[in-house]
Amino acid sequence: MESWIKNLMINPIQMISLINVQMINLIRMTIHLIKIKEKKIKKMTRKKNQKHYFVMFSLTY
């Protein structure tokens, strides 16, 4: 661990590039997760609507 820190002290440019890569990966992951959540939310609302219709249907009969 300490040797890793020493390496970073010696080579700040490498550290910066590492951080940049990690940031880019993080951003990609978040975008990916947001897209997945949006899909799930769309599916959920569809299911909720179906349930709502079912309740209305059973109430009318």
PDB file of N, CA and C in Angstrom:
ATOM      1  N   MET A   1       0.834  -1.200   0.000  1.00  0.00           N
ATOM      2  CA  MET A   1       0.000   0.000   0.000  1.00  0.00           C
ATOM      3  C   MET A   1       0.872   1.256   0.000  1.00  0.00           C
ATOM      4  N   GLU A   2       1.877   1.277   0.887  1.00  0.00           N
ATOM      5  CA  GLU A   2       2.743   2.454   0.968  1.00  0.00           C
ATOM      6  C   GLU A   2       3.571   2.618  -0.298  1.00  0.00           C
ATOM      7  N   SER A   3       4.022   1.493  -0.847  1.00  0.00           N
ATOM      8  CA  SER A   3       4.796   1.569  -2.090  1.00  0.00           C
ATOM      9  C   SER A   3       3.928   2.148  -3.206  1.00  0.00           C
ATOM     10  N   TRP A   4       2.641   1.783  -3.181  1.00  0.00           N
ATOM     11  CA  TRP A   4       1.692   2.307  -4.172  1.00  0.00           C
ATOM     12  C   TRP A   4       1.605   3.827  -4.039  1.00  0.00           C
ATOM     13  N   ILE A   5       1.504   4.301  -2.798  1.00  0.00           N
ATOM     14  CA  ILE A   5       1.445   5.743  -2.549  1.00  0.00           C
ATOM     15  C   ILE A   5       2.730   6.411  -3.033  1.00  0.00           C
ATOM     16  N   LYS A   6       3.878   5.786  -2.753  1.00  0.00           N
ATOM     17  CA  LYS A   6       5.159   6.343  -3.213  1.00  0.00           C
ATOM     18  C   LYS A   6       5.180   6.431  -4.732  1.00  0.00           C
ATOM     19  N   ASN A   7       4.685   5.414  -5.385  1.00  0.00           N
ATOM     20  CA  ASN A   7       4.645   5.431  -6.848  1.00  0.00           C
ATOM     21  C   ASN A   7       3.794   6.588  -7.351  1.00  0.00           C
ATOM     22  N   LEU A   8       2.696   6.831  -6.666  1.00  0.00           N
ATOM     23  CA  LEU A   8       1.835   7.938  -7.072  1.00  0.00           C
ATOM     24  C   LEU A   8       2.550   9.267  -6.879  1.00  0.00           C
ATOM     25  N   MET A   9       3.297   9.380  -5.795  1.00  0.00           N
ATOM     26  CA  MET A   9       4.047  10.609  -5.539  1.00  0.00           C
ATOM     27  C   MET A   9       5.071  10.830  -6.652  1.00  0.00           C
ATOM     28  N   ILE A  10       5.697   9.735  -7.079  1.00  0.00           N
ATOM     29  CA  ILE A  10       6.722   9.837  -8.125  1.00  0.00           C
ATOM     30  C   ILE A  10       6.070  10.145  -9.469  1.00  0.00           C
ATOM     31  N   ASN A  11       4.915   9.552  -9.695  1.00  0.00           N
ATOM     32  CA  ASN A  11       4.322   9.633 -11.024  1.00  0.00           C
ATOM     33  C   ASN A  11       2.897  10.207 -10.973  1.00  0.00           C
ATOM     34  N   PRO A  12       2.762  11.500 -10.761  1.00  0.00           N
ATOM     35  CA  PRO A  12       1.418  12.094 -10.668  1.00  0.00           C
ATOM     36  C   PRO A  12       0.647  12.032 -11.984  1.00  0.00           C
ATOM     37  N   ILE A  13       1.384  12.052 -13.099  1.00  0.00           N
ATOM     38  CA  ILE A  13       0.703  12.008 -14.400  1.00  0.00           C
ATOM     39  C   ILE A  13      -0.033  10.682 -14.552  1.00  0.00           C
ATOM     40  N   GLN A  14       0.630   9.597 -14.156  1.00  0.00           N
ATOM     41  CA  GLN A  14      -0.005   8.282 -14.231  1.00  0.00           C
ATOM     42  C   GLN A  14      -1.234   8.248 -13.326  1.00  0.00           C
ATOM     43  N   MET A  15      -1.105   8.836 -12.154  1.00  0.00           N
ATOM     44  CA  MET A  15      -2.216   8.859 -11.211  1.00  0.00           C
ATOM     45  C   MET A  15      -3.402   9.587 -11.827  1.00  0.00           C
ATOM     46  N   ILE A  16      -3.125  10.740 -12.443  1.00  0.00           N
ATOM     47  CA  ILE A  16      -4.204  11.530 -13.042  1.00  0.00           C
ATOM     48  C   ILE A  16      -4.893  10.720 -14.136  1.00  0.00           C
ATOM     49  N   SER A  17      -4.109  10.052 -14.978  1.00  0.00           N
ATOM     50  CA  SER A  17      -4.708   9.266 -16.055  1.00  0.00           C
ATOM     51  C   SER A  17      -5.531   8.116 -15.479  1.00  0.00           C
ATOM     52  N   LEU A  18      -5.036   7.516 -14.395  1.00  0.00           N
ATOM     53  CA  LEU A  18      -5.782   6.441 -13.732  1.00  0.00           C
ATOM     54  C   LEU A  18      -7.123   6.960 -13.231  1.00  0.00           C
ATOM     55  N   ILE A  19      -7.070   8.099 -12.558  1.00  0.00           N
ATOM     56  CA  ILE A  19      -8.302   8.686 -12.017  1.00  0.00           C
ATOM     57  C   ILE A  19      -9.270   8.991 -13.155  1.00  0.00           C
ATOM     58  N   ASN A  20      -8.741   9.532 -14.261  1.00  0.00           N
ATOM     59  CA  ASN A  20      -9.598   9.845 -15.402  1.00  0.00           C
ATOM     60  C   ASN A  20     -10.292   8.594 -15.925  1.00  0.00           C
ATOM     61  N   VAL A  21      -9.544   7.520 -16.055  1.00  0.00           N
ATOM     62  CA  VAL A  21     -10.126   6.265 -16.545  1.00  0.00           C
ATOM     63  C   VAL A  21     -11.221   5.797 -15.594  1.00  0.00           C
ATOM     64  N   GLN A  22     -10.936   5.858 -14.300  1.00  0.00           N
ATOM     65  CA  GLN A  22     -11.939   5.420 -13.321  1.00  0.00           C
ATOM     66  C   GLN A  22     -13.176   6.307 -13.370  1.00  0.00           C
ATOM     67  N   MET A  23     -12.967   7.607 -13.523  1.00  0.00           N
ATOM     68  CA  MET A  23     -14.100   8.525 -13.613  1.00  0.00           C
ATOM     69  C   MET A  23     -14.960   8.195 -14.828  1.00  0.00           C
ATOM     70  N   ILE A  24     -14.295   7.970 -15.959  1.00  0.00           N
ATOM     71  CA  ILE A  24     -15.028   7.640 -17.185  1.00  0.00           C
ATOM     72  C   ILE A  24     -15.828   6.354 -16.980  1.00  0.00           C
ATOM     73  N   ASN A  25     -15.214   5.359 -16.353  1.00  0.00           N
ATOM     74  CA  ASN A  25     -15.920   4.102 -16.090  1.00  0.00           C
ATOM     75  C   ASN A  25     -17.116   4.343 -15.182  1.00  0.00           C
ATOM     76  N   LEU A  26     -16.917   5.161 -14.153  1.00  0.00           N
ATOM     77  CA  LEU A  26     -18.010   5.467 -13.226  1.00  0.00           C
ATOM     78  C   LEU A  26     -19.164   6.133 -13.964  1.00  0.00           C
ATOM     79  N   ILE A  27     -18.831   7.105 -14.788  1.00  0.00           N
ATOM     80  CA  ILE A  27     -19.866   7.826 -15.529  1.00  0.00           C
ATOM     81  C   ILE A  27     -20.614   6.861 -16.440  1.00  0.00           C
ATOM     82  N   ARG A  28     -19.862   5.995 -17.125  1.00  0.00           N
ATOM     83  CA  ARG A  28     -20.511   5.007 -18.002  1.00  0.00           C
ATOM     84  C   ARG A  28     -21.451   4.122 -17.206  1.00  0.00           C
ATOM     85  N   MET A  29     -20.977   3.655 -16.050  1.00  0.00           N
ATOM     86  CA  MET A  29     -21.801   2.780 -15.216  1.00  0.00           C
ATOM     87  C   MET A  29     -23.078   3.486 -14.789  1.00  0.00           C
ATOM     88  N   THR A  30     -22.939   4.743 -14.348  1.00  0.00           N
ATOM     89  CA  THR A  30     -24.125   5.468 -13.887  1.00  0.00           C
ATOM     90  C   THR A  30     -25.113   5.634 -15.027  1.00  0.00           C
ATOM     91  N   ILE A  31     -24.620   6.000 -16.199  1.00  0.00           N
ATOM     92  CA  ILE A  31     -25.516   6.160 -17.352  1.00  0.00           C
ATOM     93  C   ILE A  31     -26.222   4.839 -17.635  1.00  0.00           C
ATOM     94  N   HIS A  32     -25.463   3.757 -17.611  1.00  0.00           N
ATOM     95  CA  HIS A  32     -26.023   2.425 -17.856  1.00  0.00           C
ATOM     96  C   HIS A  32     -27.109   2.106 -16.829  1.00  0.00           C
ATOM     97  N   LEU A  33     -26.809   2.361 -15.557  1.00  0.00           N
ATOM     98  CA  LEU A  33     -27.762   2.068 -14.483  1.00  0.00           C
ATOM     99  C   LEU A  33     -29.017   2.913 -14.639  1.00  0.00           C
ATOM    100  N   ILE A  34     -28.846   4.173 -14.992  1.00  0.00           N
ATOM    101  CA  ILE A  34     -30.004   5.055 -15.171  1.00  0.00           C
ATOM    102  C   ILE A  34     -30.890   4.509 -16.285  1.00  0.00           C
ATOM    103  N   LYS A  35     -30.282   4.071 -17.383  1.00  0.00           N
ATOM    104  CA  LYS A  35     -31.065   3.517 -18.490  1.00  0.00           C
ATOM    105  C   LYS A  35     -31.844   2.293 -18.026  1.00  0.00           C
ATOM    106  N   ILE A  36     -31.183   1.408 -17.286  1.00  0.00           N
ATOM    107  CA  ILE A  36     -31.845   0.202 -16.783  1.00  0.00           C
ATOM    108  C   ILE A  36     -33.015   0.590 -15.882  1.00  0.00           C
ATOM    109  N   LYS A  37     -32.796   1.552 -14.995  1.00  0.00           N
ATOM    110  CA  LYS A  37     -33.863   1.980 -14.085  1.00  0.00           C
ATOM    111  C   LYS A  37     -35.039   2.530 -14.865  1.00  0.00           C
ATOM    112  N   GLU A  38     -34.763   3.333 -15.897  1.00  0.00           N
ATOM    113  CA  GLU A  38     -35.845   3.892 -16.699  1.00  0.00           C
ATOM    114  C   GLU A  38     -36.674   2.776 -17.319  1.00  0.00           C
ATOM    115  N   LYS A  39     -35.992   1.758 -17.852  1.00  0.00           N
ATOM    116  CA  LYS A  39     -36.717   0.626 -18.435  1.00  0.00           C
ATOM    117  C   LYS A  39     -37.588  -0.035 -17.383  1.00  0.00           C
ATOM    118  N   LYS A  40     -37.004  -0.278 -16.185  1.00  0.00           N
ATOM    119  CA  LYS A  40     -37.753  -0.939 -15.122  1.00  0.00           C
ATOM    120  C   LYS A  40     -38.952  -0.103 -14.712  1.00  0.00           C
ATOM    121  N   ILE A  41     -38.754   1.216 -14.622  1.00  0.00           N
ATOM    122  CA  ILE A  41     -39.846   2.103 -14.219  1.00  0.00           C
ATOM    123  C   ILE A  41     -40.967   2.027 -15.253  1.00  0.00           C
ATOM    124  N   LYS A  42     -40.599   2.029 -16.536  1.00  0.00           N
ATOM    125  CA  LYS A  42     -41.615   1.920 -17.583  1.00  0.00           C
ATOM    126  C   LYS A  42     -42.405   0.627 -17.421  1.00  0.00           C
ATOM    127  N   LYS A  43     -41.693  -0.479 -17.178  1.00  0.00           N
ATOM    128  CA  LYS A  43     -42.373  -1.762 -16.989  1.00  0.00           C
ATOM    129  C   LYS A  43     -43.284  -1.697 -15.770  1.00  0.00           C
ATOM    130  N   MET A  44     -42.770  -1.113 -14.690  1.00  0.00           N
ATOM    131  CA  MET A  44     -43.548  -1.017 -13.453  1.00  0.00           C
ATOM    132  C   MET A  44     -44.828  -0.229 -13.687  1.00  0.00           C
ATOM    133  N   THR A  45     -44.732   0.917 -14.354  1.00  0.00           N
ATOM    134  CA  THR A  45     -45.923   1.726 -14.572  1.00  0.00           C
ATOM    135  C   THR A  45     -46.926   0.949 -15.416  1.00  0.00           C
ATOM    136  N   ARG A  46     -46.428   0.190 -16.368  1.00  0.00           N
ATOM    137  CA  ARG A  46     -47.320  -0.619 -17.188  1.00  0.00           C
ATOM    138  C   ARG A  46     -48.063  -1.617 -16.309  1.00  0.00           C
ATOM    139  N   LYS A  47     -47.332  -2.290 -15.417  1.00  0.00           N
ATOM    140  CA  LYS A  47     -47.958  -3.271 -14.530  1.00  0.00           C
ATOM    141  C   LYS A  47     -48.977  -2.596 -13.618  1.00  0.00           C
ATOM    142  N   LYS A  48     -48.609  -1.432 -13.082  1.00  0.00           N
ATOM    143  CA  LYS A  48     -49.528  -0.714 -12.199  1.00  0.00           C
ATOM    144  C   LYS A  48     -50.804  -0.360 -12.950  1.00  0.00           C
ATOM    145  N   ASN A  49     -50.659   0.076 -14.188  1.00  0.00           N
ATOM    146  CA  ASN A  49     -51.826   0.415 -14.990  1.00  0.00           C
ATOM    147  C   ASN A  49     -52.713  -0.810 -15.187  1.00  0.00           C
ATOM    148  N   GLN A  50     -52.093  -1.956 -15.454  1.00  0.00           N
ATOM    149  CA  GLN A  50     -52.866  -3.185 -15.629  1.00  0.00           C
ATOM    150  C   GLN A  50     -53.643  -3.504 -14.359  1.00  0.00           C
ATOM    151  N   LYS A  51     -52.965  -3.391 -13.215  1.00  0.00           N
ATOM    152  CA  LYS A  51     -53.644  -3.667 -11.951  1.00  0.00           C
ATOM    153  C   LYS A  51     -54.810  -2.710 -11.770  1.00  0.00           C
ATOM    154  N   HIS A  52     -54.581  -1.456 -12.076  1.00  0.00           N
ATOM    155  CA  HIS A  52     -55.611  -0.439 -11.933  1.00  0.00           C
ATOM    156  C   HIS A  52     -56.826  -0.801 -12.799  1.00  0.00           C
ATOM    157  N   TYR A  53     -56.563  -1.165 -14.039  1.00  0.00           N
ATOM    158  CA  TYR A  53     -57.650  -1.556 -14.933  1.00  0.00           C
ATOM    159  C   TYR A  53     -58.388  -2.773 -14.385  1.00  0.00           C
ATOM    160  N   PHE A  54     -57.630  -3.709 -13.853  1.00  0.00           N
ATOM    161  CA  PHE A  54     -58.245  -4.915 -13.312  1.00  0.00           C
ATOM    162  C   PHE A  54     -59.179  -4.561 -12.155  1.00  0.00           C
ATOM    163  N   VAL A  55     -58.724  -3.677 -11.282  1.00  0.00           N
ATOM    164  CA  VAL A  55     -59.553  -3.260 -10.144  1.00  0.00           C
ATOM    165  C   VAL A  55     -60.814  -2.573 -10.655  1.00  0.00           C
ATOM    166  N   MET A  56     -60.666  -1.688 -11.610  1.00  0.00           N
ATOM    167  CA  MET A  56     -61.826  -0.999 -12.177  1.00  0.00           C
ATOM    168  C   MET A  56     -62.799  -2.017 -12.776  1.00  0.00           C
ATOM    169  N   PHE A  57     -62.242  -2.983 -13.478  1.00  0.00           N
ATOM    170  CA  PHE A  57     -63.058  -4.003 -14.132  1.00  0.00           C
ATOM    171  C   PHE A  57     -63.858  -4.797 -13.099  1.00  0.00           C
ATOM    172  N   SER A  58     -63.177  -5.230 -12.032  1.00  0.00           N
ATOM    173  CA  SER A  58     -63.860  -6.036 -11.024  1.00  0.00           C
ATOM    174  C   SER A  58     -64.880  -5.197 -10.263  1.00  0.00           C
ATOM    175  N   LEU A  59     -64.653  -3.916 -10.158  1.00  0.00           N
ATOM    176  CA  LEU A  59     -65.612  -3.062  -9.455  1.00  0.00           C
ATOM    177  C   LEU A  59     -66.868  -2.864 -10.297  1.00  0.00           C
ATOM    178  N   THR A  60     -66.703  -2.787 -11.609  1.00  0.00           N
ATOM    179  CA  THR A  60     -67.863  -2.527 -12.455  1.00  0.00           C
ATOM    180  C   THR A  60     -68.753  -3.765 -12.578  1.00  0.00           C
ATOM    181  N   TYR A  61     -68.157  -4.968 -12.358  1.00  0.00           N
ATOM    182  CA  TYR A  61     -68.974  -6.192 -12.477  1.00  0.00           C
ATOM    183  C   TYR A  61     -69.326  -6.779 -11.131  1.00  0.00           C
TER     184      TYR A  61
END
